[in-house]
C-alpha cells in the first residue's frame, strides 16, 4: 500500500501559474477597498494595466480616486496588482486602499 501511494504522488506535477486575474467589481475584495489614495509623489495613470500602457494622465500624492476594479499581472517572478480608476490604471504599490472616502481623506491630510 505504501508503494502505491508513493507511486501515485510521483505523477503529480506543478501546475502553471496564472498570468492575469481579473476580479469582478462586485467581489468582497472590491467592497472592502473602494477608494485609492496616491502615496507616491507623482505617478502615471495608464490606459491599460502594465508598464506597456500609455500614460494618459498623472496623479500626485494625496489624490483620492474611486476604485472601479483590479487586475493582477505577472511580471517576471512577481505579481503586481493594478487598480482601475475612472481615468485609467495605476500600480497598486503606489496607493493605499480604504473602504470609504472619509478614511482616505483623513490619511491624505496626514501625508501633507
PDB file of N, CA and C in Angstrom:
ATOM      1  N   UNK A   1       0.831  -1.193   0.000  1.00  0.00           N
ATOM      2  CA  UNK A   1       0.000   0.000   0.000  1.00  0.00           C
ATOM      3  C   UNK A   1       0.876   1.257   0.000  1.00  0.00           C
ATOM      4  N   UNK A   2       1.923   1.281   0.790  1.00  0.00           N
ATOM      5  CA  UNK A   2       2.830   2.424   0.824  1.00  0.00           C
ATOM      6  C   UNK A   2       3.398   2.699  -0.558  1.00  0.00           C
ATOM      7  N   UNK A   3       3.772   1.654  -1.257  1.00  0.00           N
ATOM      8  CA  UNK A   3       4.342   1.799  -2.587  1.00  0.00           C
ATOM      9  C   UNK A   3       3.348   2.432  -3.556  1.00  0.00           C
ATOM     10  N   UNK A   4       2.090   2.012  -3.496  1.00  0.00           N
ATOM     11  CA  UNK A   4       1.103   2.551  -4.441  1.00  0.00           C
ATOM     12  C   UNK A   4       0.814   4.021  -4.170  1.00  0.00           C
ATOM     13  N   UNK A   5       0.761   4.440  -2.899  1.00  0.00           N
ATOM     14  CA  UNK A   5       0.528   5.854  -2.582  1.00  0.00           C
ATOM     15  C   UNK A   5       1.722   6.678  -3.027  1.00  0.00           C
ATOM     16  N   UNK A   6       2.904   6.209  -2.711  1.00  0.00           N
ATOM     17  CA  UNK A   6       4.106   6.941  -3.097  1.00  0.00           C
ATOM     18  C   UNK A   6       4.213   7.032  -4.603  1.00  0.00           C
ATOM     19  N   UNK A   7       3.891   5.973  -5.277  1.00  0.00           N
ATOM     20  CA  UNK A   7       3.963   5.965  -6.734  1.00  0.00           C
ATOM     21  C   UNK A   7       2.946   6.930  -7.333  1.00  0.00           C
ATOM     22  N   UNK A   8       1.731   6.984  -6.796  1.00  0.00           N
ATOM     23  CA  UNK A   8       0.720   7.890  -7.348  1.00  0.00           C
ATOM     24  C   UNK A   8       1.100   9.352  -7.098  1.00  0.00           C
ATOM     25  N   UNK A   9       1.765   9.649  -5.989  1.00  0.00           N
ATOM     26  CA  UNK A   9       2.205  11.008  -5.729  1.00  0.00           C
ATOM     27  C   UNK A   9       3.319  11.421  -6.684  1.00  0.00           C
ATOM     28  N   UNK A  10       4.072  10.458  -7.174  1.00  0.00           N
ATOM     29  CA  UNK A  10       5.141  10.744  -8.115  1.00  0.00           C
ATOM     30  C   UNK A  10       4.634  11.273  -9.443  1.00  0.00           C
ATOM     31  N   UNK A  11       3.384  11.055  -9.761  1.00  0.00           N
ATOM     32  CA  UNK A  11       2.818  11.521 -11.024  1.00  0.00           C
ATOM     33  C   UNK A  11       2.287  12.954 -10.944  1.00  0.00           C
ATOM     34  N   UNK A  12       2.244  13.513  -9.740  1.00  0.00           N
ATOM     35  CA  UNK A  12       1.770  14.895  -9.597  1.00  0.00           C
ATOM     36  C   UNK A  12       2.804  15.852 -10.169  1.00  0.00           C
ATOM     37  N   UNK A  13       2.326  16.859 -10.839  1.00  0.00           N
ATOM     38  CA  UNK A  13       3.217  17.852 -11.416  1.00  0.00           C
ATOM     39  C   UNK A  13       2.764  19.238 -10.991  1.00  0.00           C
ATOM     40  N   UNK A  14       3.710  20.150 -10.948  1.00  0.00           N
ATOM     41  CA  UNK A  14       3.396  21.531 -10.602  1.00  0.00           C
ATOM     42  C   UNK A  14       2.540  22.148 -11.709  1.00  0.00           C
ATOM     43  N   UNK A  15       1.484  22.808 -11.315  1.00  0.00           N
ATOM     44  CA  UNK A  15       0.601  23.479 -12.273  1.00  0.00           C
ATOM     45  C   UNK A  15       1.214  24.786 -12.732  1.00  0.00           C
ATOM     46  N   UNK A  16       0.918  25.200 -13.935  1.00  0.00           N
ATOM     47  CA  UNK A  16       1.370  26.503 -14.426  1.00  0.00           C
ATOM     48  C   UNK A  16       0.707  27.600 -13.615  1.00  0.00           C
ATOM     49  N   UNK A  17       1.413  28.699 -13.413  1.00  0.00           N
ATOM     50  CA  UNK A  17       0.841  29.814 -12.672  1.00  0.00           C
ATOM     51  C   UNK A  17      -0.070  30.631 -13.587  1.00  0.00           C
ATOM     52  N   UNK A  18      -0.979  31.338 -12.989  1.00  0.00           N
ATOM     53  CA  UNK A  18      -1.912  32.174 -13.727  1.00  0.00           C
ATOM     54  C   UNK A  18      -1.255  33.515 -13.998  1.00  0.00           C
ATOM     55  N   UNK A  19      -1.285  33.970 -15.236  1.00  0.00           N
ATOM     56  CA  UNK A  19      -0.653  35.227 -15.605  1.00  0.00           C
ATOM     57  C   UNK A  19      -1.465  36.443 -15.221  1.00  0.00           C
ATOM     58  N   UNK A  20      -2.761  36.424 -15.461  1.00  0.00           N
ATOM     59  CA  UNK A  20      -3.600  37.576 -15.194  1.00  0.00           C
ATOM     60  C   UNK A  20      -4.920  37.106 -14.590  1.00  0.00           C
ATOM     61  N   UNK A  21      -5.345  37.782 -13.541  1.00  0.00           N
ATOM     62  CA  UNK A  21      -6.641  37.505 -12.925  1.00  0.00           C
ATOM     63  C   UNK A  21      -7.413  38.803 -12.877  1.00  0.00           C
ATOM     64  N   UNK A  22      -8.632  38.812 -13.378  1.00  0.00           N
ATOM     65  CA  UNK A  22      -9.496  39.980 -13.296  1.00  0.00           C
ATOM     66  C   UNK A  22     -10.552  39.706 -12.235  1.00  0.00           C
ATOM     67  N   UNK A  23     -10.580  40.540 -11.198  1.00  0.00           N
ATOM     68  CA  UNK A  23     -11.564  40.375 -10.138  1.00  0.00           C
ATOM     69  C   UNK A  23     -12.840  41.117 -10.503  1.00  0.00           C
ATOM     70  N   UNK A  24     -13.999  40.503 -10.278  1.00  0.00           N
ATOM     71  CA  UNK A  24     -15.253  41.203 -10.571  1.00  0.00           C
ATOM     72  C   UNK A  24     -15.435  42.387  -9.627  1.00  0.00           C
ATOM     73  N   UNK A  25     -16.068  43.422 -10.124  1.00  0.00           N
ATOM     74  CA  UNK A  25     -16.252  44.626  -9.314  1.00  0.00           C
ATOM     75  C   UNK A  25     -17.164  44.396  -8.120  1.00  0.00           C
ATOM     76  N   UNK A  26     -17.955  43.334  -8.117  1.00  0.00           N
ATOM     77  CA  UNK A  26     -18.868  43.065  -7.019  1.00  0.00           C
ATOM     78  C   UNK A  26     -18.277  42.099  -5.997  1.00  0.00           C
ATOM     79  N   UNK A  27     -16.987  41.790  -6.099  1.00  0.00           N
ATOM     80  CA  UNK A  27     -16.383  40.842  -5.166  1.00  0.00           C
ATOM     81  C   UNK A  27     -16.240  41.472  -3.785  1.00  0.00           C
ATOM     82  N   UNK A  28     -16.027  40.630  -2.787  1.00  0.00           N
ATOM     83  CA  UNK A  28     -15.834  41.115  -1.421  1.00  0.00           C
ATOM     84  C   UNK A  28     -14.591  41.989  -1.327  1.00  0.00           C
ATOM     85  N   UNK A  29     -13.585  41.686  -2.135  1.00  0.00           N
ATOM     86  CA  UNK A  29     -12.372  42.497  -2.133  1.00  0.00           C
ATOM     87  C   UNK A  29     -12.691  43.917  -2.586  1.00  0.00           C
ATOM     88  N   UNK A  30     -13.535  44.061  -3.609  1.00  0.00           N
ATOM     89  CA  UNK A  30     -13.893  45.385  -4.110  1.00  0.00           C
ATOM     90  C   UNK A  30     -14.634  46.192  -3.058  1.00  0.00           C
ATOM     91  N   UNK A  31     -15.518  45.532  -2.309  1.00  0.00           N
ATOM     92  CA  UNK A  31     -16.324  46.245  -1.326  1.00  0.00           C
ATOM     93  C   UNK A  31     -15.487  46.755  -0.149  1.00  0.00           C
ATOM     94  N   UNK A  32     -14.369  46.101   0.137  1.00  0.00           N
ATOM     95  CA  UNK A  32     -13.587  46.500   1.298  1.00  0.00           C
ATOM     96  C   UNK A  32     -12.540  47.568   0.966  1.00  0.00           C
ATOM     97  N   UNK A  33     -12.265  47.805  -0.291  1.00  0.00           N
ATOM     98  CA  UNK A  33     -11.250  48.786  -0.674  1.00  0.00           C
ATOM     99  C   UNK A  33     -11.766  49.582  -1.863  1.00  0.00           C
ATOM    100  N   UNK A  34     -12.609  50.546  -1.583  1.00  0.00           N
ATOM    101  CA  UNK A  34     -13.287  51.262  -2.661  1.00  0.00           C
ATOM    102  C   UNK A  34     -12.636  52.571  -3.052  1.00  0.00           C
ATOM    103  N   UNK A  35     -11.652  53.049  -2.257  1.00  0.00           N
ATOM    104  CA  UNK A  35     -11.001  54.318  -2.566  1.00  0.00           C
ATOM    105  C   UNK A  35      -9.490  54.160  -2.495  1.00  0.00           C
ATOM    106  N   UNK A  36      -8.813  54.724  -3.494  1.00  0.00           N
ATOM    107  CA  UNK A  36      -7.360  54.638  -3.582  1.00  0.00           C
ATOM    108  C   UNK A  36      -6.756  56.011  -3.305  1.00  0.00           C
ATOM    109  N   UNK A  37      -5.803  56.050  -2.385  1.00  0.00           N
ATOM    110  CA  UNK A  37      -5.068  57.266  -2.047  1.00  0.00           C
ATOM    111  C   UNK A  37      -3.655  57.126  -2.602  1.00  0.00           C
ATOM    112  N   UNK A  38      -3.253  58.050  -3.448  1.00  0.00           N
ATOM    113  CA  UNK A  38      -1.909  58.004  -4.014  1.00  0.00           C
ATOM    114  C   UNK A  38      -0.912  58.412  -2.933  1.00  0.00           C
ATOM    115  N   UNK A  39       0.093  57.551  -2.723  1.00  0.00           N
ATOM    116  CA  UNK A  39       1.100  57.816  -1.689  1.00  0.00           C
ATOM    117  C   UNK A  39       2.466  58.153  -2.289  1.00  0.00           C
ATOM    118  N   UNK A  40       2.663  57.885  -3.567  1.00  0.00           N
ATOM    119  CA  UNK A  40       3.913  58.275  -4.240  1.00  0.00           C
ATOM    120  C   UNK A  40       3.829  59.749  -4.630  1.00  0.00           C
ATOM    121  N   UNK A  41       4.969  60.435  -4.717  1.00  0.00           N
ATOM    122  CA  UNK A  41       4.929  61.865  -5.063  1.00  0.00           C
ATOM    123  C   UNK A  41       4.260  62.146  -6.412  1.00  0.00           C
ATOM    124  N   UNK A  42       4.451  61.255  -7.375  1.00  0.00           N
ATOM    125  CA  UNK A  42       3.957  61.510  -8.729  1.00  0.00           C
ATOM    126  C   UNK A  42       3.843  60.177  -9.450  1.00  0.00           C
ATOM    127  N   UNK A  43       2.695  59.868 -10.058  1.00  0.00           N
ATOM    128  CA  UNK A  43       2.542  58.605 -10.781  1.00  0.00           C
ATOM    129  C   UNK A  43       1.905  58.845 -12.143  1.00  0.00           C
ATOM    130  N   UNK A  44       2.122  57.898 -13.037  1.00  0.00           N
ATOM    131  CA  UNK A  44       1.473  57.908 -14.347  1.00  0.00           C
ATOM    132  C   UNK A  44       0.194  57.087 -14.266  1.00  0.00           C
ATOM    133  N   UNK A  45      -0.865  57.626 -14.820  1.00  0.00           N
ATOM    134  CA  UNK A  45      -2.116  56.885 -14.956  1.00  0.00           C
ATOM    135  C   UNK A  45      -2.125  56.381 -16.392  1.00  0.00           C
ATOM    136  N   UNK A  46      -2.267  55.074 -16.555  1.00  0.00           N
ATOM    137  CA  UNK A  46      -2.109  54.450 -17.874  1.00  0.00           C
ATOM    138  C   UNK A  46      -3.437  54.005 -18.469  1.00  0.00           C
ATOM    139  N   UNK A  47      -3.441  53.846 -19.797  1.00  0.00           N
ATOM    140  CA  UNK A  47      -4.666  53.448 -20.493  1.00  0.00           C
ATOM    141  C   UNK A  47      -5.005  51.978 -20.295  1.00  0.00           C
ATOM    142  N   UNK A  48      -4.022  51.162 -19.905  1.00  0.00           N
ATOM    143  CA  UNK A  48      -4.253  49.750 -19.611  1.00  0.00           C
ATOM    144  C   UNK A  48      -3.264  49.333 -18.527  1.00  0.00           C
ATOM    145  N   UNK A  49      -3.567  48.271 -17.792  1.00  0.00           N
ATOM    146  CA  UNK A  49      -2.658  47.849 -16.731  1.00  0.00           C
ATOM    147  C   UNK A  49      -1.342  47.334 -17.300  1.00  0.00           C
ATOM    148  N   UNK A  50      -0.257  47.621 -16.601  1.00  0.00           N
ATOM    149  CA  UNK A  50       1.051  47.145 -17.017  1.00  0.00           C
ATOM    150  C   UNK A  50       1.948  48.280 -17.464  1.00  0.00           C
ATOM    151  N   UNK A  51       3.240  47.993 -17.471  1.00  0.00           N
ATOM    152  CA  UNK A  51       4.216  49.002 -17.848  1.00  0.00           C
ATOM    153  C   UNK A  51       4.144  49.375 -19.321  1.00  0.00           C
ATOM    154  N   UNK A  52       3.502  48.549 -20.122  1.00  0.00           N
ATOM    155  CA  UNK A  52       3.385  48.873 -21.551  1.00  0.00           C
ATOM    156  C   UNK A  52       2.181  49.757 -21.860  1.00  0.00           C
ATOM    157  N   UNK A  53       1.401  50.114 -20.830  1.00  0.00           N
ATOM    158  CA  UNK A  53       0.284  51.035 -21.038  1.00  0.00           C
ATOM    159  C   UNK A  53       0.777  52.440 -21.312  1.00  0.00           C
ATOM    160  N   UNK A  54       0.004  53.188 -22.072  1.00  0.00           N
ATOM    161  CA  UNK A  54       0.353  54.558 -22.438  1.00  0.00           C
ATOM    162  C   UNK A  54      -0.130  55.499 -21.334  1.00  0.00           C
ATOM    163  N   UNK A  55       0.715  56.451 -20.937  1.00  0.00           N
ATOM    164  CA  UNK A  55       0.335  57.429 -19.926  1.00  0.00           C
ATOM    165  C   UNK A  55      -0.734  58.361 -20.490  1.00  0.00           C
ATOM    166  N   UNK A  56      -1.890  58.398 -19.827  1.00  0.00           N
ATOM    167  CA  UNK A  56      -2.990  59.254 -20.268  1.00  0.00           C
ATOM    168  C   UNK A  56      -3.223  60.424 -19.317  1.00  0.00           C
ATOM    169  N   UNK A  57      -2.655  60.309 -18.112  1.00  0.00           N
ATOM    170  CA  UNK A  57      -2.826  61.362 -17.117  1.00  0.00           C
ATOM    171  C   UNK A  57      -1.781  61.134 -16.017  1.00  0.00           C
ATOM    172  N   UNK A  58      -1.795  62.006 -15.019  1.00  0.00           N
ATOM    173  CA  UNK A  58      -0.865  61.887 -13.904  1.00  0.00           C
ATOM    174  C   UNK A  58      -1.612  62.078 -12.591  1.00  0.00           C
ATOM    175  N   UNK A  59      -1.046  61.522 -11.540  1.00  0.00           N
ATOM    176  CA  UNK A  59      -1.605  61.686 -10.212  1.00  0.00           C
ATOM    177  C   UNK A  59      -0.522  62.112  -9.244  1.00  0.00           C
ATOM    178  N   UNK A  60      -0.930  62.821  -8.203  1.00  0.00           N
ATOM    179  CA  UNK A  60       0.024  63.308  -7.201  1.00  0.00           C
ATOM    180  C   UNK A  60      -0.349  62.768  -5.819  1.00  0.00           C
ATOM    181  N   UNK A  61       0.653  62.756  -4.947  1.00  0.00           N
ATOM    182  CA  UNK A  61       0.439  62.300  -3.578  1.00  0.00           C
ATOM    183  C   UNK A  61      -0.734  63.049  -2.959  1.00  0.00           C
ATOM    184  N   UNK A  62      -1.606  62.298  -2.314  1.00  0.00           N
ATOM    185  CA  UNK A  62      -2.764  62.893  -1.652  1.00  0.00           C
ATOM    186  C   UNK A  62      -4.034  62.868  -2.481  1.00  0.00           C
ATOM    187  N   UNK A  63      -3.937  62.560  -3.771  1.00  0.00           N
ATOM    188  CA  UNK A  63      -5.135  62.468  -4.619  1.00  0.00           C
ATOM    189  C   UNK A  63      -5.900  61.194  -4.284  1.00  0.00           C
ATOM    190  N   UNK A  64      -7.220  61.286  -4.306  1.00  0.00           N
ATOM    191  CA  UNK A  64      -8.079  60.145  -3.970  1.00  0.00           C
ATOM    192  C   UNK A  64      -8.940  59.811  -5.185  1.00  0.00           C
ATOM    193  N   UNK A  65      -9.012  58.532  -5.511  1.00  0.00           N
ATOM    194  CA  UNK A  65      -9.815  58.060  -6.641  1.00  0.00           C
ATOM    195  C   UNK A  65     -10.704  56.906  -6.197  1.00  0.00           C
ATOM    196  N   UNK A  66     -11.890  56.820  -6.790  1.00  0.00           N
ATOM    197  CA  UNK A  66     -12.751  55.669  -6.537  1.00  0.00           C
ATOM    198  C   UNK A  66     -12.236  54.480  -7.347  1.00  0.00           C
ATOM    199  N   UNK A  67     -12.176  53.330  -6.703  1.00  0.00           N
ATOM    200  CA  UNK A  67     -11.685  52.110  -7.358  1.00  0.00           C
ATOM    201  C   UNK A  67     -12.823  51.471  -8.149  1.00  0.00           C
ATOM    202  N   UNK A  68     -12.568  51.219  -9.432  1.00  0.00           N
ATOM    203  CA  UNK A  68     -13.557  50.588 -10.311  1.00  0.00           C
ATOM    204  C   UNK A  68     -13.305  49.097 -10.485  1.00  0.00           C
ATOM    205  N   UNK A  69     -12.060  48.673 -10.270  1.00  0.00           N
ATOM    206  CA  UNK A  69     -11.703  47.266 -10.422  1.00  0.00           C
ATOM    207  C   UNK A  69     -10.223  47.060 -10.195  1.00  0.00           C
ATOM    208  N   UNK A  70      -9.807  45.796 -10.289  1.00  0.00           N
ATOM    209  CA  UNK A  70      -8.405  45.436 -10.090  1.00  0.00           C
ATOM    210  C   UNK A  70      -8.013  44.357 -11.079  1.00  0.00           C
ATOM    211  N   UNK A  71      -6.712  44.294 -11.347  1.00  0.00           N
ATOM    212  CA  UNK A  71      -6.185  43.217 -12.180  1.00  0.00           C
ATOM    213  C   UNK A  71      -4.796  42.865 -11.653  1.00  0.00           C
ATOM    214  N   UNK A  72      -4.518  41.575 -11.564  1.00  0.00           N
ATOM    215  CA  UNK A  72      -3.211  41.108 -11.129  1.00  0.00           C
ATOM    216  C   UNK A  72      -2.445  40.678 -12.369  1.00  0.00           C
ATOM    217  N   UNK A  73      -1.265  41.282 -12.573  1.00  0.00           N
ATOM    218  CA  UNK A  73      -0.418  40.935 -13.709  1.00  0.00           C
ATOM    219  C   UNK A  73       0.873  40.315 -13.220  1.00  0.00           C
ATOM    220  N   UNK A  74       1.322  39.289 -13.919  1.00  0.00           N
ATOM    221  CA  UNK A  74       2.600  38.666 -13.600  1.00  0.00           C
ATOM    222  C   UNK A  74       3.696  39.417 -14.334  1.00  0.00           C
ATOM    223  N   UNK A  75       4.752  39.755 -13.601  1.00  0.00           N
ATOM    224  CA  UNK A  75       5.898  40.458 -14.170  1.00  0.00           C
ATOM    225  C   UNK A  75       7.155  39.739 -13.688  1.00  0.00           C
ATOM    226  N   UNK A  76       7.749  38.922 -14.544  1.00  0.00           N
ATOM    227  CA  UNK A  76       8.894  38.120 -14.130  1.00  0.00           C
ATOM    228  C   UNK A  76       8.459  37.105 -13.101  1.00  0.00           C
ATOM    229  N   UNK A  77       9.088  37.125 -11.944  1.00  0.00           N
ATOM    230  CA  UNK A  77       8.728  36.193 -10.865  1.00  0.00           C
ATOM    231  C   UNK A  77       7.770  36.804  -9.853  1.00  0.00           C
ATOM    232  N   UNK A  78       7.326  38.030 -10.091  1.00  0.00           N
ATOM    233  CA  UNK A  78       6.430  38.683  -9.142  1.00  0.00           C
ATOM    234  C   UNK A  78       5.080  38.989  -9.789  1.00  0.00           C
ATOM    235  N   UNK A  79       4.128  39.316  -8.942  1.00  0.00           N
ATOM    236  CA  UNK A  79       2.803  39.712  -9.406  1.00  0.00           C
ATOM    237  C   UNK A  79       2.521  41.116  -8.899  1.00  0.00           C
ATOM    238  N   UNK A  80       1.919  41.936  -9.750  1.00  0.00           N
ATOM    239  CA  UNK A  80       1.613  43.319  -9.392  1.00  0.00           C
ATOM    240  C   UNK A  80       0.115  43.543  -9.566  1.00  0.00           C
ATOM    241  N   UNK A  81      -0.499  44.135  -8.564  1.00  0.00           N
ATOM    242  CA  UNK A  81      -1.915  44.491  -8.654  1.00  0.00           C
ATOM    243  C   UNK A  81      -2.010  45.862  -9.295  1.00  0.00           C
ATOM    244  N   UNK A  82      -2.860  45.985 -10.310  1.00  0.00           N
ATOM    245  CA  UNK A  82      -3.147  47.270 -10.934  1.00  0.00           C
ATOM    246  C   UNK A  82      -4.567  47.659 -10.570  1.00  0.00           C
ATOM    247  N   UNK A  83      -4.751  48.924 -10.221  1.00  0.00           N
ATOM    248  CA  UNK A  83      -6.034  49.450  -9.768  1.00  0.00           C
ATOM    249  C   UNK A  83      -6.662  50.261 -10.895  1.00  0.00           C
ATOM    250  N   UNK A  84      -7.920  49.952 -11.209  1.00  0.00           N
ATOM    251  CA  UNK A  84      -8.656  50.674 -12.242  1.00  0.00           C
ATOM    252  C   UNK A  84      -9.433  51.813 -11.593  1.00  0.00           C
ATOM    253  N   UNK A  85      -9.187  53.031 -12.081  1.00  0.00           N
ATOM    254  CA  UNK A  85      -9.923  54.215 -11.646  1.00  0.00           C
ATOM    255  C   UNK A  85     -10.586  54.824 -12.882  1.00  0.00           C
ATOM    256  N   UNK A  86     -11.369  55.869 -12.713  1.00  0.00           N
ATOM    257  CA  UNK A  86     -12.058  56.480 -13.857  1.00  0.00           C
ATOM    258  C   UNK A  86     -11.110  56.887 -14.974  1.00  0.00           C
ATOM    259  N   UNK A  87      -9.943  57.421 -14.606  1.00  0.00           N
ATOM    260  CA  UNK A  87      -9.005  57.952 -15.600  1.00  0.00           C
ATOM    261  C   UNK A  87      -8.148  56.887 -16.266  1.00  0.00           C
ATOM    262  N   UNK A  88      -8.052  55.683 -15.684  1.00  0.00           N
ATOM    263  CA  UNK A  88      -7.212  54.636 -16.244  1.00  0.00           C
ATOM    264  C   UNK A  88      -6.745  53.671 -15.171  1.00  0.00           C
ATOM    265  N   UNK A  89      -5.479  53.243 -15.253  1.00  0.00           N
ATOM    266  CA  UNK A  89      -4.915  52.224 -14.368  1.00  0.00           C
ATOM    267  C   UNK A  89      -3.691  52.763 -13.633  1.00  0.00           C
ATOM    268  N   UNK A  90      -3.597  52.435 -12.332  1.00  0.00           N
ATOM    269  CA  UNK A  90      -2.454  52.832 -11.524  1.00  0.00           C
ATOM    270  C   UNK A  90      -1.906  51.594 -10.808  1.00  0.00           C
ATOM    271  N   UNK A  91      -0.587  51.544 -10.590  1.00  0.00           N
ATOM    272  CA  UNK A  91       0.001  50.376  -9.919  1.00  0.00           C
ATOM    273  C   UNK A  91      -0.356  50.345  -8.438  1.00  0.00           C
ATOM    274  N   UNK A  92      -0.723  49.172  -7.954  1.00  0.00           N
ATOM    275  CA  UNK A  92      -1.104  49.006  -6.558  1.00  0.00           C
ATOM    276  C   UNK A  92      -0.082  49.474  -5.546  1.00  0.00           C
ATOM    277  N   UNK A  93       1.225  49.243  -5.772  1.00  0.00           N
ATOM    278  CA  UNK A  93       2.207  49.694  -4.779  1.00  0.00           C
ATOM    279  C   UNK A  93       2.263  51.217  -4.605  1.00  0.00           C
ATOM    280  N   UNK A  94       1.655  51.977  -5.497  1.00  0.00           N
ATOM    281  CA  UNK A  94       1.677  53.441  -5.419  1.00  0.00           C
ATOM    282  C   UNK A  94       0.510  54.016  -4.629  1.00  0.00           C
ATOM    283  N   UNK A  95      -0.385  53.152  -4.148  1.00  0.00           N
ATOM    284  CA  UNK A  95      -1.576  53.629  -3.449  1.00  0.00           C
ATOM    285  C   UNK A  95      -1.816  52.849  -2.162  1.00  0.00           C
ATOM    286  N   UNK A  96      -2.594  53.442  -1.278  1.00  0.00           N
ATOM    287  CA  UNK A  96      -3.178  52.745  -0.133  1.00  0.00           C
ATOM    288  C   UNK A  96      -4.678  52.717  -0.384  1.00  0.00           C
ATOM    289  N   UNK A  97      -5.323  51.610  -0.046  1.00  0.00           N
ATOM    290  CA  UNK A  97      -6.749  51.440  -0.291  1.00  0.00           C
ATOM    291  C   UNK A  97      -7.547  51.581   0.997  1.00  0.00           C
ATOM    292  N   UNK A  98      -8.717  52.221   0.879  1.00  0.00           N
ATOM    293  CA  UNK A  98      -9.589  52.461   2.023  1.00  0.00           C
ATOM    294  C   UNK A  98     -11.022  52.092   1.669  1.00  0.00           C
ATOM    295  N   UNK A  99     -11.794  51.724   2.696  1.00  0.00           N
ATOM    296  CA  UNK A  99     -13.172  51.287   2.452  1.00  0.00           C
ATOM    297  C   UNK A  99     -14.137  52.446   2.241  1.00  0.00           C
ATOM    298  N   UNK A 100     -13.774  53.663   2.699  1.00  0.00           N
ATOM    299  CA  UNK A 100     -14.655  54.799   2.457  1.00  0.00           C
ATOM    300  C   UNK A 100     -13.834  56.068   2.219  1.00  0.00           C
ATOM    301  N   UNK A 101     -14.489  57.058   1.654  1.00  0.00           N
ATOM    302  CA  UNK A 101     -13.813  58.294   1.268  1.00  0.00           C
ATOM    303  C   UNK A 101     -13.256  59.044   2.476  1.00  0.00           C
ATOM    304  N   UNK A 102     -13.994  59.028   3.584  1.00  0.00           N
ATOM    305  CA  UNK A 102     -13.565  59.762   4.773  1.00  0.00           C
ATOM    306  C   UNK A 102     -12.239  59.224   5.315  1.00  0.00           C
ATOM    307  N   UNK A 103     -12.063  57.900   5.323  1.00  0.00           N
ATOM    308  CA  UNK A 103     -10.801  57.319   5.775  1.00  0.00           C
ATOM    309  C   UNK A 103      -9.660  57.737   4.849  1.00  0.00           C
ATOM    310  N   UNK A 104      -9.906  57.693   3.554  1.00  0.00           N
ATOM    311  CA  UNK A 104      -8.882  58.089   2.580  1.00  0.00           C
ATOM    312  C   UNK A 104      -8.529  59.569   2.749  1.00  0.00           C
ATOM    313  N   UNK A 105      -9.525  60.397   2.990  1.00  0.00           N
ATOM    314  CA  UNK A 105      -9.297  61.833   3.160  1.00  0.00           C
ATOM    315  C   UNK A 105      -8.485  62.117   4.423  1.00  0.00           C
ATOM    316  N   UNK A 106      -8.780  61.420   5.505  1.00  0.00           N
ATOM    317  CA  UNK A 106      -8.019  61.584   6.747  1.00  0.00           C
ATOM    318  C   UNK A 106      -6.558  61.182   6.541  1.00  0.00           C
ATOM    319  N   UNK A 107      -6.334  60.070   5.839  1.00  0.00           N
ATOM    320  CA  UNK A 107      -4.975  59.627   5.557  1.00  0.00           C
ATOM    321  C   UNK A 107      -4.253  60.613   4.643  1.00  0.00           C
ATOM    322  N   UNK A 108      -4.964  61.204   3.689  1.00  0.00           N
ATOM    323  CA  UNK A 108      -4.368  62.178   2.776  1.00  0.00           C
ATOM    324  C   UNK A 108      -3.895  63.406   3.537  1.00  0.00           C
ATOM    325  N   UNK A 109      -4.650  63.836   4.528  1.00  0.00           N
ATOM    326  CA  UNK A 109      -4.260  65.006   5.319  1.00  0.00           C
ATOM    327  C   UNK A 109      -2.977  64.735   6.099  1.00  0.00           C
ATOM    328  N   UNK A 110      -2.756  63.489   6.499  1.00  0.00           N
ATOM    329  CA  UNK A 110      -1.531  63.134   7.225  1.00  0.00           C
ATOM    330  C   UNK A 110      -0.302  63.099   6.309  1.00  0.00           C
ATOM    331  N   UNK A 111      -0.522  62.963   5.014  1.00  0.00           N
ATOM    332  CA  UNK A 111       0.585  62.957   4.049  1.00  0.00           C
ATOM    333  C   UNK A 111       1.163  64.351   3.803  1.00  0.00           C
ATOM    334  N   UNK A 112       0.389  65.374   4.096  1.00  0.00           N
ATOM    335  CA  UNK A 112       0.804  66.751   3.804  1.00  0.00           C
ATOM    336  C   UNK A 112       1.774  67.288   4.806  1.00  0.00           C
TER     337      UNK A 112
END
